[in-house]
Amino acid sequence: MADVVEIPRARGRGHADALMRWVVVEAQRLNCEAIHLDSGVGADRAAAHRLYMRNRFDITAHHFSRLPD
């Protein structure tokens, strides 16, 4: 799963939380062992990170990358 992004006029209506609840229920239905979600970093991702933590996702890793010189 990758970042969840809503269009501005749809924000604040609970759509993203409903989607996260559906993902969890669907994963349970499919007997998944875990749900993994990748998210970018930066101040512009703060709302997304709050969404994930509010829905009981934990930060379990850091991803490092480097561009060649």
PDB file of N, CA and C in Angstrom:
ATOM      1  N   MET A   1       0.843  -1.160   0.000  1.00  0.00           N
ATOM      2  CA  MET A   1       0.000   0.000   0.000  1.00  0.00           C
ATOM      3  C   MET A   1       0.894   1.230   0.000  1.00  0.00           C
ATOM      4  N   ALA A   2       0.482   2.270  -0.671  1.00  0.00           N
ATOM      5  CA  ALA A   2       1.239   3.522  -0.704  1.00  0.00           C
ATOM      6  C   ALA A   2       0.419   4.620  -0.028  1.00  0.00           C
ATOM      7  N   ASP A   3       0.968   5.830   0.051  1.00  0.00           N
ATOM      8  CA  ASP A   3       0.279   6.935   0.699  1.00  0.00           C
ATOM      9  C   ASP A   3      -1.158   7.080   0.220  1.00  0.00           C
ATOM     10  N   VAL A   4      -2.015   7.478   1.141  1.00  0.00           N
ATOM     11  CA  VAL A   4      -3.411   7.788   0.829  1.00  0.00           C
ATOM     12  C   VAL A   4      -3.511   9.293   0.678  1.00  0.00           C
ATOM     13  N   VAL A   5      -4.066   9.745  -0.432  1.00  0.00           N
ATOM     14  CA  VAL A   5      -4.186  11.179  -0.686  1.00  0.00           C
ATOM     15  C   VAL A   5      -5.622  11.478  -1.098  1.00  0.00           C
ATOM     16  N   GLU A   6      -6.209  12.481  -0.464  1.00  0.00           N
ATOM     17  CA  GLU A   6      -7.550  12.920  -0.830  1.00  0.00           C
ATOM     18  C   GLU A   6      -7.465  14.252  -1.552  1.00  0.00           C
ATOM     19  N   ILE A   7      -8.416  14.480  -2.445  1.00  0.00           N
ATOM     20  CA  ILE A   7      -8.487  15.800  -3.056  1.00  0.00           C
ATOM     21  C   ILE A   7      -8.953  16.787  -1.983  1.00  0.00           C
ATOM     22  N   PRO A   8      -8.479  18.028  -2.043  1.00  0.00           N
ATOM     23  CA  PRO A   8      -8.759  18.983  -0.961  1.00  0.00           C
ATOM     24  C   PRO A   8     -10.230  19.120  -0.586  1.00  0.00           C
ATOM     25  N   ARG A   9     -11.135  19.145  -1.535  1.00  0.00           N
ATOM     26  CA  ARG A   9     -12.552  19.360  -1.187  1.00  0.00           C
ATOM     27  C   ARG A   9     -13.187  18.163  -0.488  1.00  0.00           C
ATOM     28  N   ALA A  10     -12.516  17.002  -0.500  1.00  0.00           N
ATOM     29  CA  ALA A  10     -13.048  15.802   0.159  1.00  0.00           C
ATOM     30  C   ALA A  10     -12.459  15.590   1.544  1.00  0.00           C
ATOM     31  N   ARG A  11     -11.490  16.386   1.919  1.00  0.00           N
ATOM     32  CA  ARG A  11     -10.811  16.193   3.206  1.00  0.00           C
ATOM     33  C   ARG A  11     -11.724  16.526   4.377  1.00  0.00           C
ATOM     34  N   GLY A  12     -11.482  15.837   5.492  1.00  0.00           N
ATOM     35  CA  GLY A  12     -12.224  16.123   6.707  1.00  0.00           C
ATOM     36  C   GLY A  12     -13.594  15.480   6.776  1.00  0.00           C
ATOM     37  N   ARG A  13     -13.894  14.592   5.853  1.00  0.00           N
ATOM     38  CA  ARG A  13     -15.205  13.944   5.839  1.00  0.00           C
ATOM     39  C   ARG A  13     -15.154  12.486   6.261  1.00  0.00           C
ATOM     40  N   GLY A  14     -13.959  12.004   6.655  1.00  0.00           N
ATOM     41  CA  GLY A  14     -13.848  10.635   7.148  1.00  0.00           C
ATOM     42  C   GLY A  14     -13.599   9.584   6.086  1.00  0.00           C
ATOM     43  N   HIS A  15     -13.421  10.003   4.829  1.00  0.00           N
ATOM     44  CA  HIS A  15     -13.215   9.030   3.752  1.00  0.00           C
ATOM     45  C   HIS A  15     -11.938   8.220   3.948  1.00  0.00           C
ATOM     46  N   ALA A  16     -10.850   8.885   4.317  1.00  0.00           N
ATOM     47  CA  ALA A  16      -9.570   8.179   4.470  1.00  0.00           C
ATOM     48  C   ALA A  16      -9.634   7.191   5.636  1.00  0.00           C
ATOM     49  N   ASP A  17     -10.260   7.585   6.743  1.00  0.00           N
ATOM     50  CA  ASP A  17     -10.409   6.658   7.868  1.00  0.00           C
ATOM     51  C   ASP A  17     -11.272   5.465   7.469  1.00  0.00           C
ATOM     52  N   ALA A  18     -12.327   5.710   6.701  1.00  0.00           N
ATOM     53  CA  ALA A  18     -13.178   4.610   6.232  1.00  0.00           C
ATOM     54  C   ALA A  18     -12.387   3.667   5.335  1.00  0.00           C
ATOM     55  N   LEU A  19     -11.552   4.223   4.478  1.00  0.00           N
ATOM     56  CA  LEU A  19     -10.714   3.392   3.621  1.00  0.00           C
ATOM     57  C   LEU A  19      -9.745   2.558   4.450  1.00  0.00           C
ATOM     58  N   MET A  20      -9.139   3.164   5.472  1.00  0.00           N
ATOM     59  CA  MET A  20      -8.203   2.425   6.314  1.00  0.00           C
ATOM     60  C   MET A  20      -8.933   1.289   7.043  1.00  0.00           C
ATOM     61  N   ARG A  21     -10.148   1.559   7.546  1.00  0.00           N
ATOM     62  CA  ARG A  21     -10.917   0.500   8.205  1.00  0.00           C
ATOM     63  C   ARG A  21     -11.213  -0.631   7.229  1.00  0.00           C
ATOM     64  N   TRP A  22     -11.568  -0.287   5.983  1.00  0.00           N
ATOM     65  CA  TRP A  22     -11.848  -1.314   4.979  1.00  0.00           C
ATOM     66  C   TRP A  22     -10.603  -2.155   4.700  1.00  0.00           C
ATOM     67  N   VAL A  23      -9.455  -1.507   4.589  1.00  0.00           N
ATOM     68  CA  VAL A  23      -8.198  -2.233   4.334  1.00  0.00           C
ATOM     69  C   VAL A  23      -7.954  -3.260   5.441  1.00  0.00           C
ATOM     70  N   VAL A  24      -8.162  -2.856   6.688  1.00  0.00           N
ATOM     71  CA  VAL A  24      -7.938  -3.770   7.815  1.00  0.00           C
ATOM     72  C   VAL A  24      -8.918  -4.940   7.760  1.00  0.00           C
ATOM     73  N   VAL A  25     -10.188  -4.653   7.520  1.00  0.00           N
ATOM     74  CA  VAL A  25     -11.198  -5.723   7.439  1.00  0.00           C
ATOM     75  C   VAL A  25     -10.889  -6.659   6.277  1.00  0.00           C
ATOM     76  N   GLU A  26     -10.516  -6.116   5.147  1.00  0.00           N
ATOM     77  CA  GLU A  26     -10.198  -6.939   3.974  1.00  0.00           C
ATOM     78  C   GLU A  26      -8.967  -7.801   4.231  1.00  0.00           C
ATOM     79  N   ALA A  27      -7.964  -7.237   4.888  1.00  0.00           N
ATOM     80  CA  ALA A  27      -6.765  -8.017   5.221  1.00  0.00           C
ATOM     81  C   ALA A  27      -7.120  -9.169   6.160  1.00  0.00           C
ATOM     82  N   GLN A  28      -8.003  -8.906   7.116  1.00  0.00           N
ATOM     83  CA  GLN A  28      -8.443  -9.974   8.014  1.00  0.00           C
ATOM     84  C   GLN A  28      -9.204 -11.046   7.235  1.00  0.00           C
ATOM     85  N   ARG A  29     -10.090 -10.611   6.329  1.00  0.00           N
ATOM     86  CA  ARG A  29     -10.866 -11.555   5.522  1.00  0.00           C
ATOM     87  C   ARG A  29      -9.965 -12.454   4.679  1.00  0.00           C
ATOM     88  N   LEU A  30      -8.877 -11.896   4.203  1.00  0.00           N
ATOM     89  CA  LEU A  30      -7.935 -12.635   3.361  1.00  0.00           C
ATOM     90  C   LEU A  30      -6.864 -13.362   4.166  1.00  0.00           C
ATOM     91  N   ASN A  31      -6.979 -13.303   5.482  1.00  0.00           N
ATOM     92  CA  ASN A  31      -6.008 -13.943   6.384  1.00  0.00           C
ATOM     93  C   ASN A  31      -4.576 -13.439   6.170  1.00  0.00           C
ATOM     94  N   CYS A  32      -4.437 -12.153   5.903  1.00  0.00           N
ATOM     95  CA  CYS A  32      -3.110 -11.565   5.746  1.00  0.00           C
ATOM     96  C   CYS A  32      -2.409 -11.531   7.102  1.00  0.00           C
ATOM     97  N   GLU A  33      -1.125 -11.728   7.093  1.00  0.00           N
ATOM     98  CA  GLU A  33      -0.347 -11.686   8.328  1.00  0.00           C
ATOM     99  C   GLU A  33      -0.061 -10.260   8.774  1.00  0.00           C
ATOM    100  N   ALA A  34       0.009  -9.334   7.835  1.00  0.00           N
ATOM    101  CA  ALA A  34       0.332  -7.943   8.162  1.00  0.00           C
ATOM    102  C   ALA A  34      -0.093  -7.044   7.015  1.00  0.00           C
ATOM    103  N   ILE A  35      -0.204  -5.773   7.323  1.00  0.00           N
ATOM    104  CA  ILE A  35      -0.447  -4.739   6.316  1.00  0.00           C
ATOM    105  C   ILE A  35       0.783  -3.841   6.343  1.00  0.00           C
ATOM    106  N   HIS A  36       1.395  -3.629   5.200  1.00  0.00           N
ATOM    107  CA  HIS A  36       2.564  -2.750   5.096  1.00  0.00           C
ATOM    108  C   HIS A  36       2.182  -1.534   4.284  1.00  0.00           C
ATOM    109  N   LEU A  37       2.635  -0.381   4.732  1.00  0.00           N
ATOM    110  CA  LEU A  37       2.311   0.874   4.076  1.00  0.00           C
ATOM    111  C   LEU A  37       3.586   1.690   3.980  1.00  0.00           C
ATOM    112  N   ASP A  38       3.909   2.167   2.802  1.00  0.00           N
ATOM    113  CA  ASP A  38       5.071   3.040   2.609  1.00  0.00           C
ATOM    114  C   ASP A  38       4.591   4.478   2.481  1.00  0.00           C
ATOM    115  N   SER A  39       5.315   5.386   3.112  1.00  0.00           N
ATOM    116  CA  SER A  39       4.933   6.786   3.074  1.00  0.00           C
ATOM    117  C   SER A  39       6.176   7.649   2.961  1.00  0.00           C
ATOM    118  N   GLY A  40       6.063   8.705   2.209  1.00  0.00           N
ATOM    119  CA  GLY A  40       7.160   9.658   2.106  1.00  0.00           C
ATOM    120  C   GLY A  40       7.312  10.434   3.408  1.00  0.00           C
ATOM    121  N   VAL A  41       8.352  11.220   3.500  1.00  0.00           N
ATOM    122  CA  VAL A  41       8.604  12.029   4.689  1.00  0.00           C
ATOM    123  C   VAL A  41       8.579  13.497   4.315  1.00  0.00           C
ATOM    124  N   GLY A  42       8.415  14.325   5.313  1.00  0.00           N
ATOM    125  CA  GLY A  42       8.409  15.766   5.091  1.00  0.00           C
ATOM    126  C   GLY A  42       7.177  16.388   5.717  1.00  0.00           C
ATOM    127  N   ALA A  43       7.228  17.685   5.887  1.00  0.00           N
ATOM    128  CA  ALA A  43       6.126  18.395   6.533  1.00  0.00           C
ATOM    129  C   ALA A  43       4.805  18.214   5.798  1.00  0.00           C
ATOM    130  N   ASP A  44       4.870  18.054   4.479  1.00  0.00           N
ATOM    131  CA  ASP A  44       3.641  17.888   3.700  1.00  0.00           C
ATOM    132  C   ASP A  44       2.993  16.522   3.909  1.00  0.00           C
ATOM    133  N   ARG A  45       3.655  15.599   4.581  1.00  0.00           N
ATOM    134  CA  ARG A  45       3.118  14.260   4.830  1.00  0.00           C
ATOM    135  C   ARG A  45       2.562  14.108   6.243  1.00  0.00           C
ATOM    136  N   ALA A  46       2.628  15.164   7.060  1.00  0.00           N
ATOM    137  CA  ALA A  46       2.220  15.084   8.464  1.00  0.00           C
ATOM    138  C   ALA A  46       0.774  14.621   8.619  1.00  0.00           C
ATOM    139  N   ALA A  47      -0.129  15.135   7.808  1.00  0.00           N
ATOM    140  CA  ALA A  47      -1.535  14.730   7.923  1.00  0.00           C
ATOM    141  C   ALA A  47      -1.705  13.252   7.591  1.00  0.00           C
ATOM    142  N   ALA A  48      -0.996  12.781   6.584  1.00  0.00           N
ATOM    143  CA  ALA A  48      -1.068  11.359   6.232  1.00  0.00           C
ATOM    144  C   ALA A  48      -0.529  10.502   7.362  1.00  0.00           C
ATOM    145  N   HIS A  49       0.572  10.920   7.959  1.00  0.00           N
ATOM    146  CA  HIS A  49       1.154  10.150   9.058  1.00  0.00           C
ATOM    147  C   HIS A  49       0.213  10.107  10.261  1.00  0.00           C
ATOM    148  N   ARG A  50      -0.471  11.211  10.540  1.00  0.00           N
ATOM    149  CA  ARG A  50      -1.464  11.208  11.626  1.00  0.00           C
ATOM    150  C   ARG A  50      -2.577  10.216  11.310  1.00  0.00           C
ATOM    151  N   LEU A  51      -3.020  10.172  10.064  1.00  0.00           N
ATOM    152  CA  LEU A  51      -4.047   9.211   9.644  1.00  0.00           C
ATOM    153  C   LEU A  51      -3.593   7.792   9.922  1.00  0.00           C
ATOM    154  N   TYR A  52      -2.380   7.455   9.537  1.00  0.00           N
ATOM    155  CA  TYR A  52      -1.881   6.090   9.718  1.00  0.00           C
ATOM    156  C   TYR A  52      -1.761   5.739  11.199  1.00  0.00           C
ATOM    157  N   MET A  53      -1.219   6.661  11.993  1.00  0.00           N
ATOM    158  CA  MET A  53      -1.056   6.377  13.421  1.00  0.00           C
ATOM    159  C   MET A  53      -2.410   6.309  14.122  1.00  0.00           C
ATOM    160  N   ARG A  54      -3.341   7.149  13.709  1.00  0.00           N
ATOM    161  CA  ARG A  54      -4.693   7.110  14.270  1.00  0.00           C
ATOM    162  C   ARG A  54      -5.354   5.750  14.003  1.00  0.00           C
ATOM    163  N   ASN A  55      -4.951   5.113  12.916  1.00  0.00           N
ATOM    164  CA  ASN A  55      -5.494   3.812  12.541  1.00  0.00           C
ATOM    165  C   ASN A  55      -4.567   2.669  12.952  1.00  0.00           C
ATOM    166  N   ARG A  56      -3.728   2.942  13.967  1.00  0.00           N
ATOM    167  CA  ARG A  56      -2.897   1.948  14.656  1.00  0.00           C
ATOM    168  C   ARG A  56      -1.780   1.351  13.800  1.00  0.00           C
ATOM    169  N   PHE A  57      -1.310   2.078  12.803  1.00  0.00           N
ATOM    170  CA  PHE A  57      -0.114   1.669  12.079  1.00  0.00           C
ATOM    171  C   PHE A  57       1.090   2.181  12.859  1.00  0.00           C
ATOM    172  N   ASP A  58       2.134   1.398  12.920  1.00  0.00           N
ATOM    173  CA  ASP A  58       3.369   1.774  13.610  1.00  0.00           C
ATOM    174  C   ASP A  58       4.459   2.090  12.597  1.00  0.00           C
ATOM    175  N   ILE A  59       5.345   2.996  12.950  1.00  0.00           N
ATOM    176  CA  ILE A  59       6.538   3.243  12.146  1.00  0.00           C
ATOM    177  C   ILE A  59       7.536   2.154  12.530  1.00  0.00           C
ATOM    178  N   THR A  60       7.848   1.274  11.597  1.00  0.00           N
ATOM    179  CA  THR A  60       8.696   0.123  11.920  1.00  0.00           C
ATOM    180  C   THR A  60      10.030   0.126  11.181  1.00  0.00           C
ATOM    181  N   ALA A  61      10.259   1.103  10.313  1.00  0.00           N
ATOM    182  CA  ALA A  61      11.514   1.131   9.566  1.00  0.00           C
ATOM    183  C   ALA A  61      11.743   2.535   9.023  1.00  0.00           C
ATOM    184  N   HIS A  62      12.981   2.797   8.685  1.00  0.00           N
ATOM    185  CA  HIS A  62      13.348   3.988   7.927  1.00  0.00           C
ATOM    186  C   HIS A  62      13.887   3.493   6.591  1.00  0.00           C
ATOM    187  N   HIS A  63      13.587   4.213   5.537  1.00  0.00           N
ATOM    188  CA  HIS A  63      14.083   3.847   4.217  1.00  0.00           C
ATOM    189  C   HIS A  63      15.109   4.913   3.822  1.00  0.00           C
ATOM    190  N   PHE A  64      16.287   4.491   3.464  1.00  0.00           N
ATOM    191  CA  PHE A  64      17.343   5.429   3.077  1.00  0.00           C
ATOM    192  C   PHE A  64      17.610   5.299   1.581  1.00  0.00           C
ATOM    193  N   SER A  65      17.851   6.419   0.945  1.00  0.00           N
ATOM    194  CA  SER A  65      18.206   6.387  -0.472  1.00  0.00           C
ATOM    195  C   SER A  65      19.247   7.458  -0.731  1.00  0.00           C
ATOM    196  N   ARG A  66      19.952   7.291  -1.827  1.00  0.00           N
ATOM    197  CA  ARG A  66      20.970   8.268  -2.192  1.00  0.00           C
ATOM    198  C   ARG A  66      21.041   8.333  -3.704  1.00  0.00           C
ATOM    199  N   LEU A  67      21.145   9.532  -4.199  1.00  0.00           N
ATOM    200  CA  LEU A  67      21.343   9.726  -5.626  1.00  0.00           C
ATOM    201  C   LEU A  67      22.848   9.598  -5.908  1.00  0.00           C
ATOM    202  N   PRO A  68      23.215   9.092  -7.064  1.00  0.00           N
ATOM    203  CA  PRO A  68      24.650   9.005  -7.385  1.00  0.00           C
ATOM    204  C   PRO A  68      25.271  10.395  -7.485  1.00  0.00           C
ATOM    205  N   ASP A  69      26.581  10.470  -7.205  1.00  0.00           N
ATOM    206  CA  ASP A  69      27.297  11.750  -7.305  1.00  0.00           C
ATOM    207  C   ASP A  69      27.379  12.210  -8.744  1.00  0.00           C
TER     208      ASP A  69
END
